[in-house]
PDB file of N, CA and C in Angstrom:
ATOM      1  N   MET A   1       3.476  72.955  32.872  1.00  0.00           N
ATOM      2  CA  MET A   1       4.754  73.470  33.265  1.00  0.00           C
ATOM      3  C   MET A   1       4.755  74.096  34.650  1.00  0.00           C
ATOM      4  N   PRO A   2       3.685  74.753  35.063  1.00  0.00           N
ATOM      5  CA  PRO A   2       3.685  75.331  36.412  1.00  0.00           C
ATOM      6  C   PRO A   2       3.853  74.253  37.479  1.00  0.00           C
ATOM      7  N   GLU A   3       3.309  73.059  37.228  1.00  0.00           N
ATOM      8  CA  GLU A   3       3.474  71.963  38.192  1.00  0.00           C
ATOM      9  C   GLU A   3       4.948  71.574  38.303  1.00  0.00           C
ATOM     10  N   LEU A   4       5.618  71.533  37.164  1.00  0.00           N
ATOM     11  CA  LEU A   4       7.039  71.185  37.143  1.00  0.00           C
ATOM     12  C   LEU A   4       7.864  72.244  37.868  1.00  0.00           C
ATOM     13  N   ASP A   5       7.549  73.508  37.672  1.00  0.00           N
ATOM     14  CA  ASP A   5       8.262  74.587  38.351  1.00  0.00           C
ATOM     15  C   ASP A   5       8.074  74.497  39.864  1.00  0.00           C
ATOM     16  N   GLU A   6       6.857  74.224  40.300  1.00  0.00           N
ATOM     17  CA  GLU A   6       6.588  74.105  41.737  1.00  0.00           C
ATOM     18  C   GLU A   6       7.319  72.904  42.324  1.00  0.00           C
ATOM     19  N   ARG A   7       7.298  71.791  41.592  1.00  0.00           N
ATOM     20  CA  ARG A   7       7.992  70.583  42.060  1.00  0.00           C
ATOM     21  C   ARG A   7       9.499  70.835  42.143  1.00  0.00           C
ATOM     22  N   LEU A   8      10.034  71.533  41.150  1.00  0.00           N
ATOM     23  CA  LEU A   8      11.456  71.851  41.132  1.00  0.00           C
ATOM     24  C   LEU A   8      11.816  72.746  42.315  1.00  0.00           C
ATOM     25  N   LYS A   9      10.975  73.733  42.593  1.00  0.00           N
ATOM     26  CA  LYS A   9      11.208  74.614  43.733  1.00  0.00           C
ATOM     27  C   LYS A   9      11.175  73.826  45.039  1.00  0.00           C
ATOM     28  N   THR A  10      10.238  72.897  45.134  1.00  0.00           N
ATOM     29  CA  THR A  10      10.117  72.072  46.338  1.00  0.00           C
ATOM     30  C   THR A  10      11.349  71.207  46.523  1.00  0.00           C
ATOM     31  N   VAL A  11      11.811  70.585  45.460  1.00  0.00           N
ATOM     32  CA  VAL A  11      12.993  69.725  45.529  1.00  0.00           C
ATOM     33  C   VAL A  11      14.231  70.539  45.896  1.00  0.00           C
ATOM     34  N   VAL A  12      14.374  71.708  45.292  1.00  0.00           N
ATOM     35  CA  VAL A  12      15.522  72.559  45.600  1.00  0.00           C
ATOM     36  C   VAL A  12      15.475  72.994  47.062  1.00  0.00           C
ATOM     37  N   ALA A  13      14.299  73.336  47.561  1.00  0.00           N
ATOM     38  CA  ALA A  13      14.161  73.735  48.970  1.00  0.00           C
ATOM     39  C   ALA A  13      14.512  72.573  49.896  1.00  0.00           C
ATOM     40  N   GLU A  14      14.070  71.366  49.550  1.00  0.00           N
ATOM     41  CA  GLU A  14      14.380  70.183  50.368  1.00  0.00           C
ATOM     42  C   GLU A  14      15.880  69.917  50.395  1.00  0.00           C
ATOM     43  N   VAL A  15      16.516  70.044  49.260  1.00  0.00           N
ATOM     44  CA  VAL A  15      17.970  69.833  49.189  1.00  0.00           C
ATOM     45  C   VAL A  15      18.685  70.882  50.034  1.00  0.00           C
ATOM     46  N   GLY A  16      18.237  72.118  49.952  1.00  0.00           N
ATOM     47  CA  GLY A  16      18.837  73.178  50.753  1.00  0.00           C
ATOM     48  C   GLY A  16      18.691  72.913  52.243  1.00  0.00           C
ATOM     49  N   GLN A  17      17.517  72.433  52.655  1.00  0.00           N
ATOM     50  CA  GLN A  17      17.294  72.115  54.074  1.00  0.00           C
ATOM     51  C   GLN A  17      18.189  70.968  54.514  1.00  0.00           C
ATOM     52  N   LYS A  18      18.332  69.960  53.665  1.00  0.00           N
ATOM     53  CA  LYS A  18      19.200  68.830  54.003  1.00  0.00           C
ATOM     54  C   LYS A  18      20.642  69.287  54.144  1.00  0.00           C
ATOM     55  N   GLN A  19      21.080  70.165  53.244  1.00  0.00           N
ATOM     56  CA  GLN A  19      22.457  70.655  53.301  1.00  0.00           C
ATOM     57  C   GLN A  19      22.698  71.449  54.579  1.00  0.00           C
ATOM     58  N   ARG A  20      21.728  72.279  54.968  1.00  0.00           N
ATOM     59  CA  ARG A  20      21.873  73.048  56.205  1.00  0.00           C
ATOM     60  C   ARG A  20      21.901  72.109  57.405  1.00  0.00           C
ATOM     61  N   ARG A  21      21.042  71.080  57.387  1.00  0.00           N
ATOM     62  CA  ARG A  21      21.006  70.125  58.492  1.00  0.00           C
ATOM     63  C   ARG A  21      22.319  69.350  58.575  1.00  0.00           C
ATOM     64  N   ILE A  22      22.838  68.941  57.433  1.00  0.00           N
ATOM     65  CA  ILE A  22      24.117  68.229  57.410  1.00  0.00           C
ATOM     66  C   ILE A  22      25.229  69.140  57.918  1.00  0.00           C
ATOM     67  N   GLY A  23      25.202  70.406  57.518  1.00  0.00           N
ATOM     68  CA  GLY A  23      26.195  71.363  57.993  1.00  0.00           C
ATOM     69  C   GLY A  23      26.100  71.568  59.497  1.00  0.00           C
ATOM     70  N   ALA A  24      24.871  71.659  60.007  1.00  0.00           N
ATOM     71  CA  ALA A  24      24.686  71.835  61.449  1.00  0.00           C
ATOM     72  C   ALA A  24      25.163  70.597  62.205  1.00  0.00           C
ATOM     73  N   GLU A  25      24.872  69.417  61.671  1.00  0.00           N
ATOM     74  CA  GLU A  25      25.326  68.173  62.313  1.00  0.00           C
ATOM     75  C   GLU A  25      26.850  68.094  62.327  1.00  0.00           C
ATOM     76  N   ALA A  26      27.468  68.482  61.231  1.00  0.00           N
ATOM     77  CA  ALA A  26      28.937  68.447  61.164  1.00  0.00           C
ATOM     78  C   ALA A  26      29.543  69.443  62.149  1.00  0.00           C
ATOM     79  N   ALA A  27      28.945  70.614  62.270  1.00  0.00           N
ATOM     80  CA  ALA A  27      29.440  71.600  63.228  1.00  0.00           C
ATOM     81  C   ALA A  27      29.290  71.096  64.656  1.00  0.00           C
ATOM     82  N   PHE A  28      28.151  70.469  64.948  1.00  0.00           N
ATOM     83  CA  PHE A  28      27.928  69.920  66.278  1.00  0.00           C
ATOM     84  C   PHE A  28      28.937  68.818  66.585  1.00  0.00           C
ATOM     85  N   ARG A  29      29.146  67.939  65.613  1.00  0.00           N
ATOM     86  CA  ARG A  29      30.101  66.842  65.782  1.00  0.00           C
ATOM     87  C   ARG A  29      31.511  67.382  66.022  1.00  0.00           C
ATOM     88  N   ALA A  30      31.891  68.402  65.286  1.00  0.00           N
ATOM     89  CA  ALA A  30      33.218  68.994  65.456  1.00  0.00           C
ATOM     90  C   ALA A  30      33.350  69.631  66.838  1.00  0.00           C
ATOM     91  N   THR A  31      32.283  70.267  67.302  1.00  0.00           N
ATOM     92  CA  THR A  31      32.303  70.880  68.632  1.00  0.00           C
ATOM     93  C   THR A  31      32.447  69.823  69.710  1.00  0.00           C
ATOM     94  N   VAL A  32      31.712  68.729  69.578  1.00  0.00           N
ATOM     95  CA  VAL A  32      31.783  67.644  70.562  1.00  0.00           C
ATOM     96  C   VAL A  32      33.176  67.020  70.557  1.00  0.00           C
ATOM     97  N   GLU A  33      33.747  66.809  69.381  1.00  0.00           N
ATOM     98  CA  GLU A  33      35.089  66.225  69.299  1.00  0.00           C
ATOM     99  C   GLU A  33      36.125  67.138  69.941  1.00  0.00           C
ATOM    100  N   GLU A  34      35.991  68.441  69.742  1.00  0.00           N
ATOM    101  CA  GLU A  34      36.931  69.387  70.344  1.00  0.00           C
ATOM    102  C   GLU A  34      36.800  69.373  71.865  1.00  0.00           C
ATOM    103  N   ARG A  35      35.576  69.317  72.357  1.00  0.00           N
ATOM    104  CA  ARG A  35      35.377  69.239  73.808  1.00  0.00           C
ATOM    105  C   ARG A  35      35.968  67.963  74.377  1.00  0.00           C
ATOM    106  N   LEU A  36      35.810  66.857  73.662  1.00  0.00           N
ATOM    107  CA  LEU A  36      36.392  65.590  74.125  1.00  0.00           C
ATOM    108  C   LEU A  36      37.914  65.667  74.159  1.00  0.00           C
ATOM    109  N   ARG A  37      38.508  66.280  73.148  1.00  0.00           N
ATOM    110  CA  ARG A  37      39.965  66.441  73.148  1.00  0.00           C
ATOM    111  C   ARG A  37      40.414  67.283  74.344  1.00  0.00           C
ATOM    112  N   ASN A  38      39.675  68.348  74.628  1.00  0.00           N
ATOM    113  CA  ASN A  38      40.010  69.182  75.780  1.00  0.00           C
ATOM    114  C   ASN A  38      39.878  68.400  77.084  1.00  0.00           C
ATOM    115  N   LEU A  39      38.831  67.586  77.202  1.00  0.00           N
ATOM    116  CA  LEU A  39      38.659  66.769  78.403  1.00  0.00           C
ATOM    117  C   LEU A  39      39.781  65.754  78.549  1.00  0.00           C
ATOM    118  N   GLU A  40      40.179  65.137  77.438  1.00  0.00           N
ATOM    119  CA  GLU A  40      41.280  64.173  77.489  1.00  0.00           C
ATOM    120  C   GLU A  40      42.567  64.850  77.935  1.00  0.00           C
ATOM    121  N   ARG A  41      42.832  66.045  77.420  1.00  0.00           N
ATOM    122  CA  ARG A  41      44.034  66.783  77.807  1.00  0.00           C
ATOM    123  C   ARG A  41      43.981  67.149  79.296  1.00  0.00           C
ATOM    124  N   ASP A  42      42.814  67.605  79.751  1.00  0.00           N
ATOM    125  CA  ASP A  42      42.665  67.953  81.169  1.00  0.00           C
ATOM    126  C   ASP A  42      42.816  66.720  82.054  1.00  0.00           C
ATOM    127  N   LEU A  43      42.271  65.599  81.617  1.00  0.00           N
ATOM    128  CA  LEU A  43      42.384  64.361  82.396  1.00  0.00           C
ATOM    129  C   LEU A  43      43.841  63.920  82.481  1.00  0.00           C
ATOM    130  N   THR A  44      44.578  64.036  81.397  1.00  0.00           N
ATOM    131  CA  THR A  44      45.999  63.694  81.400  1.00  0.00           C
ATOM    132  C   THR A  44      46.751  64.587  82.378  1.00  0.00           C
ATOM    133  N   ASP A  45      46.405  65.870  82.393  1.00  0.00           N
ATOM    134  CA  ASP A  45      47.047  66.808  83.314  1.00  0.00           C
ATOM    135  C   ASP A  45      46.737  66.438  84.770  1.00  0.00           C
ATOM    136  N   VAL A  46      45.479  66.104  85.039  1.00  0.00           N
ATOM    137  CA  VAL A  46      45.096  65.718  86.407  1.00  0.00           C
ATOM    138  C   VAL A  46      45.815  64.436  86.821  1.00  0.00           C
ATOM    139  N   LYS A  47      45.918  63.480  85.914  1.00  0.00           N
ATOM    140  CA  LYS A  47      46.615  62.230  86.229  1.00  0.00           C
ATOM    141  C   LYS A  47      48.082  62.484  86.569  1.00  0.00           C
ATOM    142  N   SER A  48      48.736  63.336  85.785  1.00  0.00           N
ATOM    143  CA  SER A  48      50.154  63.590  86.050  1.00  0.00           C
ATOM    144  C   SER A  48      50.334  64.327  87.376  1.00  0.00           C
ATOM    145  N   ARG A  49      49.445  65.257  87.682  1.00  0.00           N
ATOM    146  CA  ARG A  49      49.532  65.964  88.964  1.00  0.00           C
ATOM    147  C   ARG A  49      49.280  65.012  90.134  1.00  0.00           C
ATOM    148  N   LEU A  50      48.311  64.126  89.974  1.00  0.00           N
ATOM    149  CA  LEU A  50      48.012  63.157  91.023  1.00  0.00           C
ATOM    150  C   LEU A  50      49.182  62.200  91.233  1.00  0.00           C
ATOM    151  N   ASN A  51      49.790  61.755  90.144  1.00  0.00           N
ATOM    152  CA  ASN A  51      50.950  60.880  90.264  1.00  0.00           C
ATOM    153  C   ASN A  51      52.104  61.589  90.974  1.00  0.00           C
ATOM    154  N   GLY A  52      52.317  62.855  90.648  1.00  0.00           N
ATOM    155  CA  GLY A  52      53.356  63.628  91.323  1.00  0.00           C
ATOM    156  C   GLY A  52      53.068  63.778  92.806  1.00  0.00           C
ATOM    157  N   LEU A  53      51.807  64.037  93.133  1.00  0.00           N
ATOM    158  CA  LEU A  53      51.429  64.179  94.540  1.00  0.00           C
ATOM    159  C   LEU A  53      51.625  62.867  95.295  1.00  0.00           C
ATOM    160  N   LEU A  54      51.229  61.756  94.691  1.00  0.00           N
ATOM    161  CA  LEU A  54      51.409  60.448  95.337  1.00  0.00           C
ATOM    162  C   LEU A  54      52.892  60.121  95.521  1.00  0.00           C
ATOM    163  N   LEU A  55      53.707  60.459  94.546  1.00  0.00           N
ATOM    164  CA  LEU A  55      55.142  60.237  94.667  1.00  0.00           C
ATOM    165  C   LEU A  55      55.725  61.088  95.798  1.00  0.00           C
ATOM    166  N   PHE A  56      55.280  62.338  95.890  1.00  0.00           N
ATOM    167  CA  PHE A  56      55.732  63.220  96.958  1.00  0.00           C
ATOM    168  C   PHE A  56      55.340  62.662  98.336  1.00  0.00           C
ATOM    169  N   ILE A  57      54.103  62.193  98.471  1.00  0.00           N
ATOM    170  CA  ILE A  57      53.641  61.632  99.747  1.00  0.00           C
ATOM    171  C   ILE A  57      54.435  60.380 100.096  1.00  0.00           C
ATOM    172  N   ALA A  58      54.651  59.512  99.097  1.00  0.00           N
ATOM    173  CA  ALA A  58      55.399  58.277  99.351  1.00  0.00           C
ATOM    174  C   ALA A  58      56.839  58.590  99.771  1.00  0.00           C
ATOM    175  N   SER A  59      57.457  59.557  99.120  1.00  0.00           N
ATOM    176  CA  SER A  59      58.836  59.885  99.486  1.00  0.00           C
ATOM    177  C   SER A  59      58.891  60.533 100.875  1.00  0.00           C
ATOM    178  N   THR A  60      57.882  61.310 101.229  1.00  0.00           N
ATOM    179  CA  THR A  60      57.834  61.908 102.563  1.00  0.00           C
ATOM    180  C   THR A  60      57.675  60.838 103.636  1.00  0.00           C
ATOM    181  N   VAL A  61      56.805  59.883 103.396  1.00  0.00           N
ATOM    182  CA  VAL A  61      56.613  58.791 104.358  1.00  0.00           C
ATOM    183  C   VAL A  61      57.910  57.991 104.494  1.00  0.00           C
ATOM    184  N   LEU A  62      58.560  57.691 103.379  1.00  0.00           N
ATOM    185  CA  LEU A  62      59.812  56.954 103.417  1.00  0.00           C
ATOM    186  C   LEU A  62      60.877  57.734 104.191  1.00  0.00           C
ATOM    187  N   ALA A  63      60.953  59.033 103.979  1.00  0.00           N
ATOM    188  CA  ALA A  63      61.928  59.854 104.704  1.00  0.00           C
ATOM    189  C   ALA A  63      61.633  59.848 106.205  1.00  0.00           C
ATOM    190  N   GLN A  64      60.375  59.929 106.576  1.00  0.00           N
ATOM    191  CA  GLN A  64      60.011  59.904 107.991  1.00  0.00           C
ATOM    192  C   GLN A  64      60.366  58.559 108.647  1.00  0.00           C
ATOM    193  N   VAL A  65      60.141  57.478 107.903  1.00  0.00           N
ATOM    194  CA  VAL A  65      60.484  56.147 108.435  1.00  0.00           C
ATOM    195  C   VAL A  65      61.985  56.044 108.610  1.00  0.00           C
ATOM    196  N   LEU A  66      62.753  56.514 107.632  1.00  0.00           N
ATOM    197  CA  LEU A  66      64.214  56.438 107.745  1.00  0.00           C
ATOM    198  C   LEU A  66      64.743  57.321 108.884  1.00  0.00           C
ATOM    199  N   LEU A  67      64.125  58.483 109.076  1.00  0.00           N
ATOM    200  CA  LEU A  67      64.550  59.357 110.174  1.00  0.00           C
ATOM    201  C   LEU A  67      64.245  58.733 111.531  1.00  0.00           C
ATOM    202  N   ARG A  68      63.153  58.055 111.657  1.00  0.00           N
ATOM    203  CA  ARG A  68      62.819  57.410 112.930  1.00  0.00           C
ATOM    204  C   ARG A  68      63.736  56.231 113.214  1.00  0.00           C
ATOM    205  N   LEU A  69      64.164  55.530 112.145  1.00  0.00           N
ATOM    206  CA  LEU A  69      65.060  54.403 112.340  1.00  0.00           C
ATOM    207  C   LEU A  69      66.485  54.870 112.699  1.00  0.00           C
ATOM    208  N   ALA A  70      66.842  56.034 112.214  1.00  0.00           N
ATOM    209  CA  ALA A  70      68.214  56.529 112.451  1.00  0.00           C
ATOM    210  C   ALA A  70      68.372  57.209 113.795  1.00  0.00           C
TER     211      ALA A  70
END
């Protein structure tokens, strides 16, 4: 019976370690996914600002061309 008790303790310890490792992996995965979402949001913001800036530059150039023609 002592062998069975030791084996049972070993198996329970292994299961506990696996559960902690799985929990740590899930936490890491969730952290990475959240960072990716933040990066995607920031990239969308940068794209919209860049598009606005390009539109502003294009309209300024067009206005300058029209003023020179007039």
